[in-house]
Protein backbone atom coordinates (compact mmCIF):
# COMPACT_ATOMS: atom_id res chain seq x y z
CA MET A 1 114.96 -142.55 56.23
CA LYS A 2 113.30 -139.91 53.90
CA ASN A 3 114.21 -142.01 50.75
CA ASN A 4 112.65 -145.07 52.26
CA ARG A 5 109.62 -143.19 53.14
CA ASN A 6 109.39 -141.97 49.60
CA ASN A 7 109.84 -145.46 48.15
CA ILE A 8 107.05 -146.84 50.15
CA PHE A 9 104.81 -144.07 49.13
CA LEU A 10 105.77 -144.35 45.33
CA ASN A 11 105.69 -148.09 45.34
CA LEU A 12 102.95 -149.21 47.81
CA GLN A 13 100.58 -146.53 47.26
CA GLY A 14 98.52 -145.96 44.00
CA GLN A 15 99.81 -142.69 42.33
CA THR A 16 97.60 -140.11 40.68
CA ASN A 17 100.57 -138.63 38.60
CA GLN A 18 104.37 -139.08 37.90
CA SER A 19 105.68 -136.11 39.81
CA PRO A 20 103.74 -135.69 43.03
CA TYR A 21 104.82 -133.07 45.55
CA LEU A 22 106.26 -135.39 48.15
CA ILE A 23 105.73 -132.97 51.14
CA ASP A 24 106.05 -135.56 54.13
CA VAL A 25 103.49 -134.13 56.33
CA ASP A 26 103.83 -133.99 59.92
CA LYS A 27 101.09 -131.70 61.17
CA ALA A 28 98.73 -128.83 59.90
CA GLU A 29 97.14 -125.83 61.58
CA GLY A 30 95.47 -122.78 60.37
CA ILE A 31 96.87 -121.81 56.97
CA TYR A 32 100.14 -123.94 57.55
CA ILE A 33 101.45 -127.34 57.07
CA TRP A 34 104.71 -128.67 58.51
CA ASP A 35 106.89 -131.49 57.16
CA LYS A 36 108.82 -133.93 59.13
CA ASP A 37 112.00 -131.79 58.83
CA GLY A 38 110.09 -128.99 60.39
CA LYS A 39 109.75 -126.91 57.24
CA ARG A 40 106.68 -124.74 57.39
CA TYR A 41 104.60 -124.27 54.21
CA MET A 42 101.80 -121.74 53.62
CA ASP A 43 98.95 -123.75 52.28
CA MET A 44 97.64 -121.48 49.71
CA ILE A 45 95.32 -124.09 48.04
CA ALA A 46 93.74 -125.23 51.17
CA GLY A 47 93.80 -128.86 50.15
CA VAL A 48 92.30 -127.74 46.76
CA ALA A 49 89.41 -125.70 48.24
CA VAL A 50 88.79 -128.14 51.12
CA ASN A 51 90.19 -126.40 54.19
CA ASN A 52 88.20 -123.07 53.77
CA ILE A 53 88.22 -122.56 57.45
CA GLY A 54 91.71 -123.69 57.89
CA HIS A 55 93.33 -126.80 59.08
CA ARG A 56 92.05 -128.28 62.39
CA HIS A 57 89.74 -125.60 63.45
CA PRO A 58 89.18 -125.93 67.18
CA LYS A 59 85.40 -126.16 66.65
CA VAL A 60 85.63 -128.77 64.14
CA ILE A 61 88.02 -130.83 66.43
CA GLU A 62 85.70 -130.21 69.36
CA ALA A 63 82.61 -131.58 67.40
CA ILE A 64 84.57 -134.66 66.18
CA GLN A 65 85.73 -135.34 69.70
CA GLN A 66 82.16 -135.07 71.16
CA GLN A 67 80.73 -137.38 68.40
CA LEU A 68 83.51 -139.82 69.03
CA ASP A 69 82.24 -140.29 72.66
CA LYS A 70 78.74 -141.18 71.22
CA HIS A 71 78.99 -143.53 68.28
CA LEU A 72 80.71 -144.15 65.07
CA HIS A 73 78.94 -145.88 62.12
CA VAL A 74 75.70 -147.71 63.22
CA MET A 75 73.66 -148.25 60.03
CA VAL A 76 73.61 -147.50 56.28
CA TYR A 77 72.30 -143.99 55.47
CA GLY A 78 68.70 -143.35 55.92
CA GLU A 79 67.59 -146.01 58.25
CA TYR A 80 68.25 -144.67 61.86
CA ILE A 81 67.74 -141.06 63.26
CA GLN A 82 71.16 -139.76 64.27
CA ASP A 83 71.81 -136.46 65.92
CA ALA A 84 74.76 -135.38 63.65
CA GLN A 85 72.83 -136.18 60.41
CA LEU A 86 69.64 -134.38 61.59
CA GLU A 87 71.51 -131.35 62.77
CA LEU A 88 73.45 -131.07 59.52
CA ALA A 89 70.27 -131.38 57.53
CA GLU A 90 68.66 -128.69 59.59
CA ASN A 91 71.79 -126.33 59.15
CA LEU A 92 71.89 -126.84 55.39
CA ALA A 93 68.14 -126.16 55.13
CA SER A 94 68.78 -122.96 57.19
CA ILE A 95 71.25 -121.52 54.67
CA LEU A 96 69.66 -122.40 51.43
CA PRO A 97 66.44 -121.53 49.39
CA GLU A 98 63.23 -123.13 50.29
CA ASN A 99 63.38 -125.50 47.14
CA LEU A 100 66.65 -126.82 48.39
CA SER A 101 65.57 -128.05 51.77
CA CYS A 102 66.04 -131.80 51.58
CA SER A 103 69.61 -133.06 51.77
CA TYR A 104 71.13 -136.52 51.03
CA VAL A 105 74.65 -136.76 52.55
CA VAL A 106 77.28 -139.01 50.71
CA ASN A 107 80.94 -139.56 50.78
CA SER A 108 82.31 -137.15 48.23
CA GLY A 109 81.63 -134.71 45.67
CA THR A 110 82.01 -136.92 42.68
CA GLU A 111 79.41 -139.28 44.43
CA ALA A 112 77.17 -136.32 44.91
CA ASN A 113 77.30 -135.62 41.18
CA GLU A 114 76.62 -139.36 40.38
CA ALA A 115 73.60 -139.33 42.62
CA ALA A 116 72.29 -135.94 41.41
CA ILE A 117 72.37 -137.47 37.87
CA LYS A 118 70.45 -140.54 38.87
CA LEU A 119 67.90 -138.34 40.79
CA ALA A 120 67.32 -136.28 37.81
CA LYS A 121 66.73 -139.25 35.35
CA ARG A 122 64.62 -140.82 38.06
CA TYR A 123 62.44 -137.73 38.64
CA THR A 124 61.81 -136.57 35.16
CA GLY A 125 61.80 -140.25 33.49
CA ARG A 126 64.15 -139.02 30.79
CA GLN A 127 67.61 -140.15 29.85
CA GLU A 128 69.48 -137.32 28.28
CA ILE A 129 72.14 -135.58 30.19
CA ILE A 130 73.57 -132.21 29.08
CA SER A 131 76.99 -130.78 30.54
CA CYS A 132 79.47 -128.23 29.56
CA LYS A 133 82.61 -128.49 27.34
CA ASN A 134 85.72 -127.95 29.58
CA SER A 135 83.88 -128.85 32.70
CA TYR A 136 85.10 -131.13 35.54
CA HIS A 137 82.64 -133.13 37.75
CA GLY A 138 84.80 -135.87 39.00
CA SER A 139 86.52 -139.11 37.91
CA THR A 140 84.21 -141.95 38.67
CA HIS A 141 82.45 -143.35 35.41
CA GLY A 142 79.45 -141.32 35.50
CA SER A 143 81.05 -138.06 36.73
CA LEU A 144 83.76 -138.43 34.13
CA SER A 145 80.95 -139.13 31.58
CA VAL A 146 79.69 -135.51 32.15
CA THR A 147 83.28 -134.14 32.28
CA GLY A 148 83.77 -132.10 29.05
CA ASN A 149 87.41 -133.25 28.43
CA ASP A 150 88.31 -135.71 25.77
CA GLU A 151 91.84 -136.43 27.06
CA LYS A 152 90.53 -137.36 30.53
CA GLN A 153 87.72 -139.54 29.01
CA SER A 154 89.65 -141.40 26.20
CA SER A 155 91.19 -144.24 28.14
CA PHE A 156 88.07 -145.22 29.81
CA LYS A 157 85.39 -145.40 27.10
CA PRO A 158 82.58 -146.50 26.68
CA LEU A 159 81.13 -144.04 29.21
CA LEU A 160 77.48 -143.18 29.85
CA PRO A 161 75.42 -142.76 26.76
CA ASN A 162 72.94 -139.88 25.76
CA ILE A 163 75.15 -137.10 26.94
CA GLN A 164 75.63 -133.80 25.00
CA PHE A 165 77.77 -130.69 25.76
CA ILE A 166 76.90 -127.19 25.58
CA GLU A 167 79.46 -124.22 25.47
CA PHE A 168 79.68 -122.26 28.82
CA ASN A 169 78.45 -118.71 28.17
CA ASN A 170 77.01 -119.57 24.63
CA ILE A 171 73.34 -118.89 24.92
CA GLU A 172 72.74 -120.22 21.39
CA SER A 173 74.23 -123.64 22.48
CA LEU A 174 71.31 -123.93 24.84
CA ALA A 175 68.96 -124.84 21.86
CA ILE A 176 69.91 -128.59 22.45
CA ILE A 177 67.95 -128.55 25.69
CA THR A 178 64.64 -130.07 24.94
CA GLU A 179 61.72 -132.07 26.54
CA LYS A 180 64.03 -135.15 26.18
CA THR A 181 66.47 -133.56 28.54
CA ALA A 182 66.66 -134.92 32.17
CA CYS A 183 69.04 -132.42 33.40
CA VAL A 184 71.84 -130.03 32.67
CA LEU A 185 74.63 -130.20 35.02
CA ILE A 186 76.91 -127.34 35.26
CA GLU A 187 79.71 -125.84 37.51
CA THR A 188 78.29 -122.51 38.74
CA ILE A 189 81.89 -121.14 38.10
CA GLN A 190 83.93 -123.29 36.07
CA GLY A 191 87.02 -124.28 38.14
CA ASP A 192 89.15 -126.80 36.36
CA ALA A 193 88.79 -124.75 33.14
CA GLY A 194 90.72 -122.07 34.72
CA LEU A 195 88.14 -120.20 36.65
CA VAL A 196 85.40 -119.02 34.23
CA LYS A 197 82.62 -117.14 35.38
CA PRO A 198 79.16 -117.21 33.77
CA THR A 199 77.57 -114.01 32.36
CA GLN A 200 74.45 -113.11 34.05
CA GLU A 201 72.59 -113.33 30.60
CA PHE A 202 73.99 -116.89 30.15
CA ILE A 203 72.88 -118.28 33.43
CA GLU A 204 69.47 -116.64 33.36
CA ALA A 205 68.90 -118.09 29.95
CA LEU A 206 69.91 -121.48 31.10
CA ARG A 207 67.51 -121.32 34.01
CA GLU A 208 64.73 -120.20 31.79
CA LYS A 209 65.39 -122.89 29.23
CA CYS A 210 65.47 -125.69 31.93
CA THR A 211 62.30 -124.39 33.32
CA ALA A 212 60.62 -124.31 29.87
CA THR A 213 61.56 -127.74 29.04
CA GLY A 214 61.09 -129.37 32.45
CA ALA A 215 64.91 -130.27 32.61
CA LEU A 216 66.31 -130.02 36.13
CA LEU A 217 69.18 -127.67 36.58
CA ILE A 218 72.13 -129.04 38.53
CA PHE A 219 74.62 -126.53 40.02
CA ASP A 220 77.93 -128.34 40.92
CA GLU A 221 79.50 -126.30 43.70
CA VAL A 222 81.82 -128.94 45.03
CA GLN A 223 84.72 -126.59 44.58
CA VAL A 224 83.24 -123.08 44.62
CA GLY A 225 80.82 -123.54 47.48
CA MET A 226 80.95 -122.84 51.19
CA GLY A 227 82.22 -119.20 51.07
CA ARG A 228 85.10 -119.65 48.53
CA THR A 229 83.93 -116.97 46.01
CA GLY A 230 82.77 -114.31 48.60
CA LYS A 231 79.28 -115.83 48.89
CA LEU A 232 78.11 -118.79 50.84
CA PHE A 233 77.15 -120.42 47.49
CA ALA A 234 78.33 -119.07 44.32
CA PHE A 235 74.85 -119.15 42.74
CA GLU A 236 74.05 -116.31 45.08
CA HIS A 237 76.00 -113.98 42.92
CA TYR A 238 73.60 -114.30 39.99
CA ASP A 239 70.18 -114.83 41.81
CA VAL A 240 69.60 -118.02 39.90
CA ILE A 241 68.57 -121.07 41.96
CA PRO A 242 69.10 -124.66 40.64
CA ASP A 243 66.73 -127.67 41.14
CA ILE A 244 69.57 -129.78 42.56
CA LEU A 245 72.73 -128.66 44.22
CA THR A 246 75.89 -130.67 44.87
CA LEU A 247 78.50 -129.92 47.60
CA GLY A 248 81.66 -131.61 48.73
CA LYS A 249 85.28 -130.38 49.48
CA ALA A 250 84.91 -127.56 51.91
CA LEU A 251 81.65 -128.98 53.53
CA GLY A 252 83.28 -131.17 56.04
CA GLY A 253 85.75 -128.71 57.56
CA GLY A 254 88.70 -131.24 56.42
CA MET A 255 86.72 -134.50 56.69
CA PRO A 256 85.24 -136.42 53.67
CA ILE A 257 81.87 -135.72 52.74
CA GLY A 258 79.48 -134.67 49.92
CA ALA A 259 75.85 -133.96 49.67
CA PHE A 260 73.15 -133.60 46.91
CA ILE A 261 70.23 -131.29 47.88
CA SER A 262 66.73 -130.63 46.30
CA SER A 263 63.24 -130.33 47.29
CA LYS A 264 61.33 -133.06 49.23
CA GLU A 265 59.29 -133.79 46.24
CA VAL A 266 62.23 -134.36 43.95
CA MET A 267 64.39 -136.11 46.55
CA HIS A 268 61.71 -138.62 47.73
CA SER A 269 61.26 -140.09 44.11
CA LEU A 270 64.45 -142.12 45.15
CA THR A 271 62.32 -143.96 47.66
CA HIS A 272 60.22 -146.05 45.49
CA ASN A 273 60.22 -147.75 41.82
CA PRO A 274 62.77 -148.93 42.79
CA MET A 275 62.94 -148.81 46.58
CA LEU A 276 66.46 -147.69 47.41
CA GLY A 277 66.94 -145.66 44.32
CA HIS A 278 70.33 -144.48 45.90
CA ILE A 279 71.98 -146.06 48.76
CA THR A 280 75.18 -145.55 50.61
CA THR A 281 76.86 -147.49 53.52
CA PHE A 282 79.07 -144.74 54.77
CA GLY A 283 77.45 -141.68 53.52
CA GLY A 284 76.35 -139.52 56.29
CA HIS A 285 79.02 -140.82 58.79
CA PRO A 286 78.34 -139.22 62.04
CA ILE A 287 81.96 -138.05 62.48
CA ASN A 288 81.81 -136.25 59.11
CA CYS A 289 78.31 -134.86 59.59
CA ALA A 290 79.47 -133.37 63.14
CA ALA A 291 82.51 -131.85 61.37
CA ALA A 292 80.41 -130.43 58.57
CA ASN A 293 77.84 -129.02 60.91
CA ALA A 294 80.61 -127.26 62.90
CA SER A 295 82.27 -126.03 59.71
CA ILE A 296 79.05 -124.40 58.57
CA ASN A 297 78.63 -122.80 61.95
CA VAL A 298 82.10 -121.43 61.86
CA LEU A 299 81.26 -119.79 58.41
CA LYS A 300 77.97 -118.40 60.00
CA GLU A 301 79.86 -116.82 62.97
CA GLU A 302 82.87 -115.54 61.37
CA ASN A 303 83.17 -112.56 58.86
CA TRP A 304 85.53 -114.57 56.59
CA ILE A 305 83.01 -114.74 53.68
CA THR A 306 82.21 -111.00 53.65
CA GLU A 307 85.98 -110.51 53.80
CA ALA A 308 86.78 -112.83 51.10
CA ASP A 309 86.60 -110.30 48.15
CA ALA A 310 88.55 -107.53 49.96
CA LYS A 311 91.24 -110.22 50.75
CA GLY A 312 91.22 -111.37 47.27
CA GLN A 313 91.53 -108.00 46.00
CA LEU A 314 94.59 -107.28 48.10
CA LEU A 315 96.43 -110.39 46.89
CA GLU A 316 95.37 -109.57 43.32
CA ASN A 317 96.83 -105.98 43.53
CA ILE A 318 100.12 -107.49 44.77
CA LEU A 319 100.36 -109.77 42.00
CA ALA A 320 99.39 -107.48 39.45
CA GLN A 321 102.88 -105.90 39.91
CA SER A 322 104.22 -108.77 37.77
CA ALA A 323 104.51 -108.06 34.02
CA GLU A 324 104.98 -111.77 33.48
CA ILE A 325 101.54 -112.47 34.59
CA LYS A 326 99.15 -112.53 31.53
CA GLU A 327 95.86 -112.53 33.33
CA ILE A 328 94.42 -112.78 36.81
CA ARG A 329 91.00 -114.44 36.89
CA ARG A 330 89.48 -114.28 40.39
CA ALA A 331 86.25 -115.09 42.48
CA GLY A 332 86.59 -114.00 46.10
CA LEU A 333 89.68 -116.09 47.23
CA PHE A 334 89.79 -118.36 44.29
CA PHE A 335 92.42 -117.36 41.66
CA ALA A 336 93.71 -118.63 38.24
CA ILE A 337 97.15 -116.91 37.48
CA GLU A 338 97.58 -117.13 33.65
CA MET A 339 101.25 -117.23 32.57
CA GLU A 340 102.93 -117.51 29.21
CA SER A 341 103.32 -121.18 29.18
CA ALA A 342 103.07 -124.61 31.06
CA ASP A 343 106.71 -124.54 31.71
CA LYS A 344 106.60 -121.22 33.37
CA VAL A 345 103.75 -122.44 35.60
CA ALA A 346 105.61 -125.29 36.66
CA GLN A 347 108.72 -123.18 37.46
CA VAL A 348 106.82 -120.79 39.44
CA VAL A 349 104.86 -123.48 41.36
CA GLU A 350 108.18 -125.24 42.26
CA LYS A 351 109.97 -122.24 43.22
CA CYS A 352 107.17 -121.44 45.44
CA LEU A 353 107.35 -124.73 47.00
CA GLU A 354 111.08 -124.16 47.62
CA LYS A 355 110.26 -120.98 49.40
CA GLY A 356 107.60 -122.60 51.69
CA LEU A 357 104.46 -121.78 49.65
CA ILE A 358 102.20 -124.37 48.11
CA GLY A 359 100.16 -123.49 44.93
CA PHE A 360 98.87 -125.87 42.37
CA TRP A 361 97.88 -126.24 38.83
CA PHE A 362 94.58 -126.88 36.93
CA LEU A 363 94.13 -130.27 35.26
CA SER A 364 92.76 -128.73 32.07
CA THR A 365 94.49 -125.45 32.14
CA PRO A 366 98.21 -126.09 31.98
CA THR A 367 99.20 -122.33 31.41
CA ALA A 368 97.64 -121.13 34.74
CA PHE A 369 98.30 -122.05 38.41
CA ARG A 370 95.80 -121.90 41.13
CA ILE A 371 95.65 -120.20 44.41
CA SER A 372 92.77 -120.77 46.84
CA PRO A 373 93.94 -120.14 50.59
CA PRO A 374 91.81 -120.77 53.74
CA LEU A 375 89.33 -117.95 54.02
CA SER A 376 90.82 -117.56 57.51
CA ILE A 377 93.92 -116.01 55.92
CA SER A 378 95.08 -112.72 57.51
CA GLU A 379 96.07 -109.59 55.38
CA GLU A 380 99.59 -109.96 56.80
CA GLU A 381 99.67 -113.56 55.53
CA ILE A 382 98.38 -112.50 52.29
CA LYS A 383 101.11 -109.99 51.96
CA GLU A 384 103.52 -112.46 52.72
CA ALA A 385 102.29 -114.94 50.26
CA GLY A 386 102.16 -112.30 47.52
CA GLU A 387 105.71 -111.44 47.93
CA ILE A 388 106.84 -115.08 47.93
CA ILE A 389 104.63 -115.55 44.52
CA LEU A 390 106.26 -112.39 43.08
CA ASN A 391 109.68 -113.53 43.80
CA SER A 392 109.16 -116.96 42.52
CA ILE A 393 107.89 -115.54 39.34
């Protein structure tokens, strides 16, 4: 039976890589996933930074059930007034700076980035886009075009034109930003590059350069947003505010959703010349909006974000006992654990899986593996996870 299910999965579903985990999921709750054989796994990647409040949080489930009793999809986004969309827009505005008060809800993080690029080009009337080397913004054509990874791009060229790349944390490279630049799209903290934080000097210089040239600054917080780094949004660590913010992953509390957010002035440029400058059929789906709204409320009510750094430090202290770990890079409860080689990373991740703990690797940083557990993880669970990782190493 198990082999038959594996064969169906491998032959009838499109595959993203040649060696998937093949965990045959039965159920998930809190920080745990169970397979069909009853084996329990500690989900120490939270579905790759999606389940920040854990799997199936009761308030998210309740919000979904209540919305199910009202309606599902009724119209393409932006035509009808719907409670779930309205409440989410109000909630997002309540937790963001004043110039980030107007949200447009889409289906995923990569769509949010696609739309943010369109918005910047439409508002500024410019065509040049600048991103960062070693960045990751998604895998659709536009998002892939601004992803600074030649290996990922090479099989899908030609991509979008008029794109240049700066070096993360290199202030001198900002000189290429000019009055011809529509936007600079940057991860507030680089994720796929193996968790690289910006220096305060770099991110302030970037903001100043964009303001001086009229280029819009876009922060991609699809992965590091919603409490992952110990702040609700990673840009709060640096007191630098973007012109456009993109969100996804953890926003939906386990449901698929994304959003790009700006001021009313900037956002409403999409309504004319041409009309329907951006349109989505399923963006703002009421079920997903209800889940996102509940997820934000959970983060407001719990102390998980304020506890994230202390919990992260506890796990870091445990892992620091291993002489085989070359470096631990961390932002809140987001880790890149650097090992001596890609082979060693694969061995550790596989051994963790055998012992009932799910870790994962970075697409562009093969010598490190990622840890990003739900923010709801307890200190006892952190200690247990730390011991499993140490033993696996």
